[in-house]
Amino acid sequence: MNDKLKAAIMSEAVNGIITSRRLTELGIRRSALNELLVTGDLLKVERGIYTLKDAWGDEFYILQQRYRKGIYSHGTALYLHGYSERVPLSFHMTFPTGYNSKTVLDSNIIPSRIKDDFYYTGITEVATPSGFVVKCYDLERSICDCLRGSSNDTQTTLYAIKKYAASKEKNLNQLIRYAKLLRVESKINNYLEVLL
């Protein structure tokens, strides 16, 4: 590989990962990209996502690059916030109603869909264990999401709520506001009566 080209990619790759969009912005032509792939200096992880040959991929980051409308939620978001002891085996992401990607289920994602009114509520950014920044719902929204529906992991939710109740950084007003909005106010109140 051309040393100048290699240096440009290495300086722009975030923890060894670079997107085709960024390669285009750097002026790297498709022929040069193909050469890098053939020589093994660059590896294709997903469509439009590449890693340097010695890099360790970050699945959180890669999945969000692939599904840009997906926001990490539920137990996955709790893990990213440090409020779950369990490393997710599948990644829970929330998408706006009407979002249709047939490949989501094949990508180790548990999808949820929600109306646009609620989709944008509580979006924040957090660092993954590898240091990449991804979008997920804030802690209060994630707790409320875990209380919605019947297929949630009760043990993870209970751990998160106990840790949240003991935290000095909790925002109870925000939690109650989300609970009303997402219609889980009675469940939140039941937990808080016991824990606070």
N, C-alpha and C. Protein backbone atom coordinates (compact mmCIF):
# COMPACT_ATOMS: atom_id res chain seq x y z
N MET A 1 0.85 -1.18 0.00
CA MET A 1 0.00 0.00 0.00
C MET A 1 0.89 1.23 0.00
N ASN A 2 0.49 2.23 -0.74
CA ASN A 2 1.17 3.51 -0.79
C ASN A 2 1.27 4.07 0.64
N ASP A 3 2.48 4.43 1.07
CA ASP A 3 2.68 4.89 2.46
C ASP A 3 1.86 6.13 2.79
N LYS A 4 1.72 7.04 1.83
CA LYS A 4 0.96 8.27 2.05
C LYS A 4 -0.52 7.93 2.25
N LEU A 5 -1.02 7.02 1.43
CA LEU A 5 -2.42 6.59 1.52
C LEU A 5 -2.66 5.87 2.85
N LYS A 6 -1.74 5.01 3.21
CA LYS A 6 -1.86 4.26 4.47
C LYS A 6 -1.87 5.22 5.66
N ALA A 7 -1.00 6.19 5.64
CA ALA A 7 -0.93 7.17 6.73
C ALA A 7 -2.23 7.96 6.84
N ALA A 8 -2.80 8.33 5.68
CA ALA A 8 -4.06 9.08 5.67
C ALA A 8 -5.18 8.26 6.29
N ILE A 9 -5.26 7.00 5.91
CA ILE A 9 -6.32 6.14 6.45
C ILE A 9 -6.11 5.89 7.94
N MET A 10 -4.89 5.61 8.34
CA MET A 10 -4.62 5.34 9.75
C MET A 10 -4.92 6.55 10.63
N SER A 11 -4.65 7.74 10.12
CA SER A 11 -4.92 8.94 10.92
C SER A 11 -6.41 9.24 11.00
N GLU A 12 -7.18 8.80 10.02
CA GLU A 12 -8.61 9.09 10.00
C GLU A 12 -9.47 7.98 10.59
N ALA A 13 -8.93 6.77 10.66
CA ALA A 13 -9.70 5.65 11.20
C ALA A 13 -9.89 5.85 12.70
N VAL A 14 -11.09 5.63 13.16
CA VAL A 14 -11.40 5.75 14.58
C VAL A 14 -11.30 4.34 15.17
N ASN A 15 -10.33 4.15 16.05
CA ASN A 15 -10.07 2.81 16.62
C ASN A 15 -10.00 1.75 15.54
N GLY A 16 -9.40 2.10 14.41
CA GLY A 16 -9.19 1.15 13.33
C GLY A 16 -10.35 0.98 12.38
N ILE A 17 -11.43 1.72 12.58
CA ILE A 17 -12.61 1.59 11.72
C ILE A 17 -12.79 2.88 10.92
N ILE A 18 -13.13 2.71 9.64
CA ILE A 18 -13.37 3.87 8.77
C ILE A 18 -14.52 3.53 7.83
N THR A 19 -15.32 4.53 7.48
CA THR A 19 -16.46 4.31 6.59
C THR A 19 -16.10 4.70 5.16
N SER A 20 -16.87 4.16 4.22
CA SER A 20 -16.63 4.51 2.82
C SER A 20 -16.90 5.99 2.59
N ARG A 21 -17.82 6.55 3.35
CA ARG A 21 -18.11 7.98 3.25
C ARG A 21 -16.87 8.80 3.57
N ARG A 22 -16.18 8.40 4.65
CA ARG A 22 -14.97 9.13 5.05
C ARG A 22 -13.84 8.92 4.03
N LEU A 23 -13.74 7.70 3.48
CA LEU A 23 -12.73 7.43 2.46
C LEU A 23 -12.96 8.32 1.23
N THR A 24 -14.22 8.49 0.85
CA THR A 24 -14.56 9.36 -0.29
C THR A 24 -14.18 10.80 0.02
N GLU A 25 -14.48 11.24 1.26
CA GLU A 25 -14.12 12.60 1.67
C GLU A 25 -12.61 12.83 1.61
N LEU A 26 -11.85 11.76 1.86
CA LEU A 26 -10.38 11.85 1.81
C LEU A 26 -9.85 11.80 0.38
N GLY A 27 -10.75 11.55 -0.58
CA GLY A 27 -10.35 11.50 -1.98
C GLY A 27 -9.76 10.17 -2.40
N ILE A 28 -10.03 9.13 -1.62
CA ILE A 28 -9.52 7.80 -1.95
C ILE A 28 -10.47 7.16 -2.97
N ARG A 29 -9.94 6.84 -4.11
CA ARG A 29 -10.74 6.28 -5.20
C ARG A 29 -11.08 4.82 -4.93
N ARG A 30 -12.13 4.37 -5.60
CA ARG A 30 -12.58 2.99 -5.45
C ARG A 30 -11.48 2.00 -5.84
N SER A 31 -10.68 2.33 -6.86
CA SER A 31 -9.60 1.42 -7.29
C SER A 31 -8.56 1.25 -6.18
N ALA A 32 -8.26 2.34 -5.47
CA ALA A 32 -7.31 2.28 -4.36
C ALA A 32 -7.91 1.48 -3.21
N LEU A 33 -9.21 1.66 -2.97
CA LEU A 33 -9.91 0.91 -1.93
C LEU A 33 -9.86 -0.59 -2.25
N ASN A 34 -10.13 -0.93 -3.50
CA ASN A 34 -10.08 -2.34 -3.90
C ASN A 34 -8.68 -2.93 -3.72
N GLU A 35 -7.67 -2.14 -4.02
CA GLU A 35 -6.29 -2.60 -3.83
C GLU A 35 -6.01 -2.90 -2.36
N LEU A 36 -6.52 -2.02 -1.48
CA LEU A 36 -6.33 -2.22 -0.05
C LEU A 36 -7.05 -3.48 0.44
N LEU A 37 -8.21 -3.74 -0.15
CA LEU A 37 -8.96 -4.94 0.22
C LEU A 37 -8.25 -6.20 -0.27
N VAL A 38 -7.71 -6.16 -1.49
CA VAL A 38 -7.01 -7.31 -2.07
C VAL A 38 -5.74 -7.64 -1.27
N THR A 39 -5.00 -6.60 -0.87
CA THR A 39 -3.76 -6.83 -0.13
C THR A 39 -4.03 -7.20 1.34
N GLY A 40 -5.26 -6.99 1.79
CA GLY A 40 -5.59 -7.33 3.18
C GLY A 40 -5.26 -6.24 4.17
N ASP A 41 -4.81 -5.07 3.69
CA ASP A 41 -4.52 -3.96 4.59
C ASP A 41 -5.80 -3.35 5.17
N LEU A 42 -6.90 -3.55 4.46
CA LEU A 42 -8.20 -3.06 4.88
C LEU A 42 -9.17 -4.22 4.73
N LEU A 43 -10.05 -4.40 5.72
CA LEU A 43 -11.02 -5.49 5.70
C LEU A 43 -12.43 -4.92 5.68
N LYS A 44 -13.29 -5.51 4.87
CA LYS A 44 -14.69 -5.07 4.80
C LYS A 44 -15.47 -5.78 5.90
N VAL A 45 -16.11 -4.98 6.77
CA VAL A 45 -16.89 -5.53 7.87
C VAL A 45 -18.35 -5.59 7.48
N GLU A 46 -18.85 -4.52 6.98
CA GLU A 46 -20.23 -4.37 6.52
C GLU A 46 -20.19 -3.52 5.28
N ARG A 47 -21.30 -3.40 4.63
CA ARG A 47 -21.38 -2.51 3.48
C ARG A 47 -21.04 -1.09 3.93
N GLY A 48 -19.96 -0.54 3.37
CA GLY A 48 -19.56 0.83 3.68
C GLY A 48 -18.76 1.00 4.95
N ILE A 49 -18.38 -0.12 5.61
CA ILE A 49 -17.62 -0.04 6.85
C ILE A 49 -16.41 -0.96 6.74
N TYR A 50 -15.24 -0.39 7.02
CA TYR A 50 -13.98 -1.11 6.86
C TYR A 50 -13.14 -0.99 8.13
N THR A 51 -12.28 -1.98 8.35
CA THR A 51 -11.35 -1.91 9.47
C THR A 51 -9.93 -2.12 8.95
N LEU A 52 -8.98 -1.53 9.64
CA LEU A 52 -7.58 -1.82 9.37
C LEU A 52 -7.33 -3.27 9.77
N LYS A 53 -6.37 -3.91 9.16
CA LYS A 53 -6.20 -5.36 9.35
C LYS A 53 -5.96 -5.77 10.80
N ASP A 54 -5.37 -4.92 11.60
CA ASP A 54 -5.07 -5.27 12.98
C ASP A 54 -6.08 -4.71 13.98
N ALA A 55 -7.14 -4.11 13.48
CA ALA A 55 -8.11 -3.45 14.37
C ALA A 55 -9.12 -4.45 14.92
N TRP A 56 -9.64 -4.12 16.07
CA TRP A 56 -10.68 -4.91 16.70
C TRP A 56 -12.00 -4.16 16.49
N GLY A 57 -12.97 -4.77 15.82
CA GLY A 57 -14.23 -4.10 15.51
C GLY A 57 -15.11 -3.89 16.72
N ASP A 58 -15.92 -2.87 16.68
CA ASP A 58 -16.87 -2.56 17.74
C ASP A 58 -18.27 -2.77 17.18
N GLU A 59 -18.94 -3.82 17.63
CA GLU A 59 -20.24 -4.17 17.06
C GLU A 59 -21.29 -3.10 17.31
N PHE A 60 -21.23 -2.42 18.46
CA PHE A 60 -22.18 -1.34 18.73
C PHE A 60 -22.07 -0.27 17.63
N TYR A 61 -20.85 0.14 17.36
CA TYR A 61 -20.62 1.19 16.37
C TYR A 61 -20.98 0.72 14.96
N ILE A 62 -20.57 -0.49 14.62
CA ILE A 62 -20.81 -1.01 13.28
C ILE A 62 -22.31 -1.13 13.01
N LEU A 63 -23.07 -1.66 13.97
CA LEU A 63 -24.52 -1.80 13.77
C LEU A 63 -25.18 -0.44 13.61
N GLN A 64 -24.73 0.55 14.38
CA GLN A 64 -25.36 1.86 14.25
C GLN A 64 -24.98 2.54 12.94
N GLN A 65 -23.80 2.27 12.43
CA GLN A 65 -23.44 2.80 11.12
C GLN A 65 -24.30 2.16 10.04
N ARG A 66 -24.60 0.90 10.22
CA ARG A 66 -25.42 0.19 9.23
C ARG A 66 -26.88 0.61 9.33
N TYR A 67 -27.40 0.76 10.53
CA TYR A 67 -28.80 1.14 10.75
C TYR A 67 -28.83 2.49 11.45
N ARG A 68 -28.66 3.52 10.68
CA ARG A 68 -28.50 4.88 11.22
C ARG A 68 -29.72 5.38 11.98
N LYS A 69 -30.90 4.85 11.70
CA LYS A 69 -32.12 5.25 12.43
C LYS A 69 -32.26 4.51 13.75
N GLY A 70 -31.44 3.49 13.96
CA GLY A 70 -31.54 2.70 15.18
C GLY A 70 -30.90 3.40 16.37
N ILE A 71 -31.65 3.49 17.46
CA ILE A 71 -31.17 4.09 18.70
C ILE A 71 -31.10 2.96 19.73
N TYR A 72 -29.94 2.80 20.35
CA TYR A 72 -29.83 1.74 21.36
C TYR A 72 -30.79 2.03 22.51
N SER A 73 -31.50 1.00 22.92
CA SER A 73 -32.55 1.18 23.92
C SER A 73 -32.63 -0.03 24.85
N HIS A 74 -33.57 0.02 25.75
CA HIS A 74 -33.86 -1.06 26.68
C HIS A 74 -32.59 -1.53 27.41
N GLY A 75 -32.39 -2.83 27.54
CA GLY A 75 -31.26 -3.37 28.27
C GLY A 75 -29.91 -3.02 27.67
N THR A 76 -29.88 -2.86 26.33
CA THR A 76 -28.62 -2.48 25.68
C THR A 76 -28.19 -1.08 26.11
N ALA A 77 -29.16 -0.17 26.18
CA ALA A 77 -28.85 1.19 26.62
C ALA A 77 -28.44 1.19 28.10
N LEU A 78 -29.10 0.37 28.91
CA LEU A 78 -28.70 0.28 30.32
C LEU A 78 -27.25 -0.17 30.44
N TYR A 79 -26.86 -1.14 29.62
CA TYR A 79 -25.47 -1.62 29.62
C TYR A 79 -24.51 -0.49 29.24
N LEU A 80 -24.84 0.26 28.19
CA LEU A 80 -23.98 1.36 27.75
C LEU A 80 -23.85 2.46 28.80
N HIS A 81 -24.89 2.62 29.62
CA HIS A 81 -24.86 3.62 30.70
C HIS A 81 -24.19 3.07 31.97
N GLY A 82 -23.83 1.78 31.97
CA GLY A 82 -23.22 1.18 33.16
C GLY A 82 -24.24 0.73 34.18
N TYR A 83 -25.49 0.51 33.76
CA TYR A 83 -26.56 0.12 34.66
C TYR A 83 -27.05 -1.31 34.42
N SER A 84 -26.20 -2.12 33.84
CA SER A 84 -26.48 -3.53 33.65
C SER A 84 -25.17 -4.29 33.75
N GLU A 85 -25.22 -5.41 34.44
CA GLU A 85 -24.02 -6.24 34.58
C GLU A 85 -23.88 -7.21 33.40
N ARG A 86 -24.92 -7.34 32.61
CA ARG A 86 -24.94 -8.30 31.52
C ARG A 86 -24.53 -7.67 30.19
N VAL A 87 -23.52 -8.25 29.57
CA VAL A 87 -23.15 -7.84 28.22
C VAL A 87 -24.24 -8.34 27.29
N PRO A 88 -24.82 -7.47 26.47
CA PRO A 88 -25.92 -7.92 25.60
C PRO A 88 -25.48 -8.99 24.61
N LEU A 89 -26.29 -10.05 24.52
CA LEU A 89 -26.05 -11.08 23.51
C LEU A 89 -26.69 -10.65 22.19
N SER A 90 -27.80 -9.93 22.31
CA SER A 90 -28.47 -9.30 21.17
C SER A 90 -28.58 -7.83 21.49
N PHE A 91 -28.65 -7.01 20.47
CA PHE A 91 -28.65 -5.55 20.67
C PHE A 91 -30.06 -5.01 20.44
N HIS A 92 -30.61 -4.37 21.46
CA HIS A 92 -31.94 -3.79 21.35
C HIS A 92 -31.82 -2.39 20.75
N MET A 93 -32.54 -2.16 19.65
CA MET A 93 -32.56 -0.84 19.01
C MET A 93 -34.00 -0.44 18.75
N THR A 94 -34.27 0.84 18.88
CA THR A 94 -35.59 1.37 18.59
C THR A 94 -35.53 2.17 17.30
N PHE A 95 -36.54 1.94 16.47
CA PHE A 95 -36.66 2.59 15.16
C PHE A 95 -37.99 3.33 15.09
N PRO A 96 -38.10 4.35 14.24
CA PRO A 96 -39.39 5.02 14.10
C PRO A 96 -40.40 4.09 13.41
N THR A 97 -41.67 4.28 13.73
CA THR A 97 -42.72 3.50 13.08
C THR A 97 -42.61 3.67 11.58
N GLY A 98 -42.76 2.57 10.87
CA GLY A 98 -42.67 2.63 9.42
C GLY A 98 -41.30 2.28 8.89
N TYR A 99 -40.29 2.27 9.77
CA TYR A 99 -38.94 1.89 9.33
C TYR A 99 -38.96 0.42 8.99
N ASN A 100 -38.50 0.10 7.80
CA ASN A 100 -38.54 -1.29 7.37
C ASN A 100 -37.20 -1.70 6.80
N SER A 101 -36.55 -2.56 7.50
CA SER A 101 -35.31 -3.14 6.98
C SER A 101 -35.38 -4.63 7.26
N LYS A 102 -35.43 -5.39 6.22
CA LYS A 102 -35.55 -6.84 6.36
C LYS A 102 -34.32 -7.45 6.99
N THR A 103 -33.20 -6.75 6.94
CA THR A 103 -31.95 -7.32 7.45
C THR A 103 -31.76 -7.11 8.95
N VAL A 104 -32.62 -6.32 9.58
CA VAL A 104 -32.45 -6.02 11.01
C VAL A 104 -32.45 -7.31 11.84
N LEU A 105 -33.40 -8.18 11.62
CA LEU A 105 -33.50 -9.40 12.42
C LEU A 105 -32.33 -10.34 12.18
N ASP A 106 -31.73 -10.27 11.01
CA ASP A 106 -30.58 -11.12 10.70
C ASP A 106 -29.28 -10.55 11.28
N SER A 107 -29.34 -9.37 11.88
CA SER A 107 -28.14 -8.69 12.37
C SER A 107 -28.00 -8.72 13.88
N ASN A 108 -28.64 -9.68 14.54
CA ASN A 108 -28.54 -9.80 16.00
C ASN A 108 -29.13 -8.59 16.72
N ILE A 109 -30.18 -8.02 16.13
CA ILE A 109 -30.86 -6.86 16.71
C ILE A 109 -32.26 -7.25 17.12
N ILE A 110 -32.66 -6.81 18.31
CA ILE A 110 -34.05 -6.92 18.74
C ILE A 110 -34.66 -5.55 18.44
N PRO A 111 -35.52 -5.46 17.42
CA PRO A 111 -36.06 -4.14 17.06
C PRO A 111 -37.33 -3.79 17.83
N SER A 112 -37.46 -2.52 18.15
CA SER A 112 -38.72 -1.95 18.65
C SER A 112 -39.03 -0.80 17.73
N ARG A 113 -40.31 -0.55 17.54
CA ARG A 113 -40.72 0.59 16.72
C ARG A 113 -41.64 1.46 17.57
N ILE A 114 -41.50 2.77 17.38
CA ILE A 114 -42.30 3.70 18.17
C ILE A 114 -42.62 4.92 17.33
N LYS A 115 -43.74 5.56 17.65
CA LYS A 115 -44.17 6.75 16.90
C LYS A 115 -43.12 7.86 16.99
N ASP A 116 -43.08 8.67 15.94
CA ASP A 116 -42.12 9.78 15.89
C ASP A 116 -42.20 10.68 17.12
N ASP A 117 -43.41 10.84 17.68
CA ASP A 117 -43.58 11.70 18.87
C ASP A 117 -42.67 11.24 20.01
N PHE A 118 -42.46 9.93 20.13
CA PHE A 118 -41.68 9.38 21.22
C PHE A 118 -40.27 8.96 20.80
N TYR A 119 -40.09 8.75 19.51
CA TYR A 119 -38.81 8.26 18.99
C TYR A 119 -37.66 9.21 19.36
N TYR A 120 -37.87 10.51 19.26
CA TYR A 120 -36.79 11.49 19.49
C TYR A 120 -36.60 11.85 20.96
N THR A 121 -37.50 11.39 21.82
CA THR A 121 -37.45 11.76 23.24
C THR A 121 -36.33 11.03 23.96
N GLY A 122 -35.39 11.78 24.48
CA GLY A 122 -34.35 11.22 25.33
C GLY A 122 -33.11 10.69 24.61
N ILE A 123 -32.94 11.04 23.33
CA ILE A 123 -31.75 10.56 22.61
C ILE A 123 -30.52 11.28 23.16
N THR A 124 -29.48 10.51 23.42
CA THR A 124 -28.21 11.06 23.90
C THR A 124 -27.09 10.27 23.23
N GLU A 125 -25.88 10.62 23.54
CA GLU A 125 -24.72 9.89 23.01
C GLU A 125 -23.90 9.37 24.17
N VAL A 126 -23.41 8.14 24.00
CA VAL A 126 -22.54 7.53 25.01
C VAL A 126 -21.38 6.84 24.31
N ALA A 127 -20.34 6.57 25.08
CA ALA A 127 -19.19 5.85 24.53
C ALA A 127 -19.38 4.36 24.76
N THR A 128 -19.04 3.58 23.74
CA THR A 128 -19.07 2.13 23.87
C THR A 128 -17.83 1.69 24.67
N PRO A 129 -17.76 0.44 25.08
CA PRO A 129 -16.57 -0.02 25.80
C PRO A 129 -15.27 0.18 25.00
N SER A 130 -15.36 0.25 23.66
CA SER A 130 -14.16 0.47 22.84
C SER A 130 -13.88 1.94 22.60
N GLY A 131 -14.77 2.82 23.08
CA GLY A 131 -14.53 4.26 22.94
C GLY A 131 -15.24 4.93 21.79
N PHE A 132 -16.05 4.21 21.03
CA PHE A 132 -16.82 4.82 19.95
C PHE A 132 -18.04 5.52 20.54
N VAL A 133 -18.47 6.58 19.91
CA VAL A 133 -19.66 7.30 20.38
C VAL A 133 -20.86 6.82 19.55
N VAL A 134 -21.91 6.39 20.25
CA VAL A 134 -23.14 5.92 19.60
C VAL A 134 -24.34 6.61 20.23
N LYS A 135 -25.45 6.58 19.51
CA LYS A 135 -26.70 7.15 20.03
C LYS A 135 -27.46 6.10 20.80
N CYS A 136 -27.93 6.50 21.96
CA CYS A 136 -28.82 5.64 22.73
C CYS A 136 -29.75 6.55 23.53
N TYR A 137 -30.76 5.95 24.12
CA TYR A 137 -31.65 6.75 24.95
C TYR A 137 -31.00 7.00 26.31
N ASP A 138 -31.35 8.13 26.92
CA ASP A 138 -30.78 8.45 28.22
C ASP A 138 -31.26 7.44 29.26
N LEU A 139 -30.69 7.49 30.42
CA LEU A 139 -30.93 6.50 31.46
C LEU A 139 -32.40 6.43 31.87
N GLU A 140 -33.02 7.59 32.07
CA GLU A 140 -34.42 7.61 32.51
C GLU A 140 -35.34 7.00 31.45
N ARG A 141 -35.10 7.34 30.20
CA ARG A 141 -35.91 6.79 29.11
C ARG A 141 -35.69 5.27 29.00
N SER A 142 -34.45 4.83 29.17
CA SER A 142 -34.13 3.40 29.06
C SER A 142 -34.83 2.59 30.14
N ILE A 143 -34.88 3.13 31.35
CA ILE A 143 -35.59 2.44 32.44
C ILE A 143 -37.07 2.32 32.10
N CYS A 144 -37.67 3.40 31.62
CA CYS A 144 -39.08 3.36 31.24
C CYS A 144 -39.33 2.38 30.10
N ASP A 145 -38.44 2.36 29.12
CA ASP A 145 -38.59 1.41 28.01
C ASP A 145 -38.58 -0.03 28.51
N CYS A 146 -37.73 -0.31 29.50
CA CYS A 146 -37.65 -1.67 30.03
C CYS A 146 -38.93 -2.10 30.74
N LEU A 147 -39.70 -1.14 31.22
CA LEU A 147 -40.95 -1.46 31.92
C LEU A 147 -42.13 -1.60 30.96
N ARG A 148 -41.94 -1.23 29.71
CA ARG A 148 -43.00 -1.37 28.71
C ARG A 148 -42.99 -2.79 28.16
N GLY A 149 -44.14 -3.35 27.93
CA GLY A 149 -44.23 -4.67 27.33
C GLY A 149 -44.00 -5.77 28.35
N SER A 150 -44.11 -7.01 27.89
CA SER A 150 -44.03 -8.14 28.81
C SER A 150 -42.78 -9.00 28.62
N SER A 151 -42.02 -8.75 27.58
CA SER A 151 -40.89 -9.64 27.27
C SER A 151 -39.55 -9.07 27.76
N ASN A 152 -39.58 -8.22 28.76
CA ASN A 152 -38.34 -7.60 29.22
C ASN A 152 -37.68 -8.43 30.31
N ASP A 153 -36.41 -8.25 30.48
CA ASP A 153 -35.61 -8.96 31.47
C ASP A 153 -35.81 -8.28 32.82
N THR A 154 -36.62 -8.89 33.67
CA THR A 154 -36.98 -8.30 34.96
C THR A 154 -35.76 -8.12 35.86
N GLN A 155 -34.85 -9.07 35.83
CA GLN A 155 -33.67 -9.01 36.68
C GLN A 155 -32.78 -7.82 36.32
N THR A 156 -32.58 -7.59 35.02
CA THR A 156 -31.77 -6.45 34.57
C THR A 156 -32.45 -5.14 34.92
N THR A 157 -33.77 -5.09 34.72
CA THR A 157 -34.53 -3.87 35.03
C THR A 157 -34.47 -3.55 36.52
N LEU A 158 -34.65 -4.56 37.35
CA LEU A 158 -34.62 -4.35 38.80
C LEU A 158 -33.24 -3.88 39.25
N TYR A 159 -32.18 -4.48 38.71
CA TYR A 159 -30.82 -4.05 39.03
C TYR A 159 -30.63 -2.58 38.68
N ALA A 160 -31.08 -2.20 37.49
CA ALA A 160 -30.92 -0.81 37.03
C ALA A 160 -31.69 0.17 37.91
N ILE A 161 -32.91 -0.18 38.26
CA ILE A 161 -33.73 0.72 39.08
C ILE A 161 -33.14 0.87 40.48
N LYS A 162 -32.65 -0.21 41.06
CA LYS A 162 -32.02 -0.13 42.38
C LYS A 162 -30.78 0.77 42.33
N LYS A 163 -29.95 0.57 41.31
CA LYS A 163 -28.74 1.38 41.17
C LYS A 163 -29.12 2.84 40.93
N TYR A 164 -30.14 3.06 40.13
CA TYR A 164 -30.60 4.42 39.82
C TYR A 164 -31.10 5.11 41.10
N ALA A 165 -31.90 4.39 41.89
CA ALA A 165 -32.46 4.97 43.12
C ALA A 165 -31.35 5.38 44.09
N ALA A 166 -30.25 4.64 44.10
CA ALA A 166 -29.13 4.93 45.00
C ALA A 166 -28.19 6.00 44.44
N SER A 167 -28.35 6.35 43.17
CA SER A 167 -27.43 7.30 42.52
C SER A 167 -27.70 8.74 42.94
N LYS A 168 -26.63 9.50 43.10
CA LYS A 168 -26.77 10.93 43.40
C LYS A 168 -27.12 11.73 42.15
N GLU A 169 -26.91 11.12 41.00
CA GLU A 169 -27.13 11.83 39.73
C GLU A 169 -28.49 11.54 39.11
N LYS A 170 -29.37 10.90 39.85
CA LYS A 170 -30.70 10.59 39.29
C LYS A 170 -31.50 11.86 39.06
N ASN A 171 -32.38 11.80 38.08
CA ASN A 171 -33.25 12.93 37.75
C ASN A 171 -34.69 12.41 37.82
N LEU A 172 -35.24 12.44 39.01
CA LEU A 172 -36.58 11.87 39.23
C LEU A 172 -37.66 12.60 38.44
N ASN A 173 -37.52 13.92 38.28
CA ASN A 173 -38.51 14.66 37.50
C ASN A 173 -38.53 14.17 36.05
N GLN A 174 -37.35 13.94 35.50
CA GLN A 174 -37.25 13.43 34.13
C GLN A 174 -37.84 12.02 34.04
N LEU A 175 -37.53 11.18 35.02
CA LEU A 175 -38.03 9.81 35.05
C LEU A 175 -39.56 9.80 35.08
N ILE A 176 -40.15 10.61 35.94
CA ILE A 176 -41.61 10.67 36.04
C ILE A 176 -42.23 11.23 34.76
N ARG A 177 -41.59 12.21 34.17
CA ARG A 177 -42.10 12.79 32.91
C ARG A 177 -42.13 11.73 31.81
N TYR A 178 -41.03 10.97 31.68
CA TYR A 178 -40.99 9.89 30.68
C TYR A 178 -42.00 8.80 31.01
N ALA A 179 -42.13 8.48 32.30
CA ALA A 179 -43.07 7.43 32.71
C ALA A 179 -44.50 7.79 32.32
N LYS A 180 -44.87 9.06 32.48
CA LYS A 180 -46.21 9.50 32.06
C LYS A 180 -46.35 9.41 30.55
N LEU A 181 -45.36 9.89 29.85
CA LEU A 181 -45.36 9.91 28.39
C LEU A 181 -45.46 8.50 27.81
N LEU A 182 -44.74 7.56 28.40
CA LEU A 182 -44.69 6.19 27.89
C LEU A 182 -45.66 5.24 28.61
N ARG A 183 -46.48 5.81 29.47
CA ARG A 183 -47.56 5.09 30.16
C ARG A 183 -47.08 3.96 31.05
N VAL A 184 -46.05 4.22 31.81
CA VAL A 184 -45.55 3.25 32.79
C VAL A 184 -45.44 3.91 34.17
N GLU A 185 -46.21 4.98 34.37
CA GLU A 185 -46.11 5.75 35.61
C GLU A 185 -46.41 4.90 36.85
N SER A 186 -47.44 4.04 36.78
CA SER A 186 -47.78 3.24 37.96
C SER A 186 -46.66 2.25 38.28
N LYS A 187 -46.03 1.68 37.26
CA LYS A 187 -44.93 0.74 37.51
C LYS A 187 -43.74 1.46 38.14
N ILE A 188 -43.41 2.64 37.61
CA ILE A 188 -42.30 3.43 38.18
C ILE A 188 -42.61 3.79 39.62
N ASN A 189 -43.82 4.25 39.88
CA ASN A 189 -44.20 4.64 41.24
C ASN A 189 -44.09 3.47 42.22
N ASN A 190 -44.48 2.27 41.78
CA ASN A 190 -44.39 1.08 42.64
C ASN A 190 -42.94 0.82 43.04
N TYR A 191 -42.03 0.90 42.09
CA TYR A 191 -40.60 0.71 42.40
C TYR A 191 -40.07 1.80 43.31
N LEU A 192 -40.41 3.06 42.99
CA LEU A 192 -39.86 4.17 43.75
C LEU A 192 -40.37 4.19 45.18
N GLU A 193 -41.62 3.78 45.41
CA GLU A 193 -42.17 3.73 46.77
C GLU A 193 -41.36 2.78 47.64
N VAL A 194 -40.90 1.70 47.07
CA VAL A 194 -40.15 0.71 47.82
C VAL A 194 -38.69 1.13 48.00
N LEU A 195 -38.11 1.73 46.96
CA LEU A 195 -36.68 1.99 46.96
C LEU A 195 -36.25 3.35 47.53
N LEU A 196 -37.16 4.32 47.55
CA LEU A 196 -36.77 5.66 48.02
C LEU A 196 -37.31 5.94 49.43
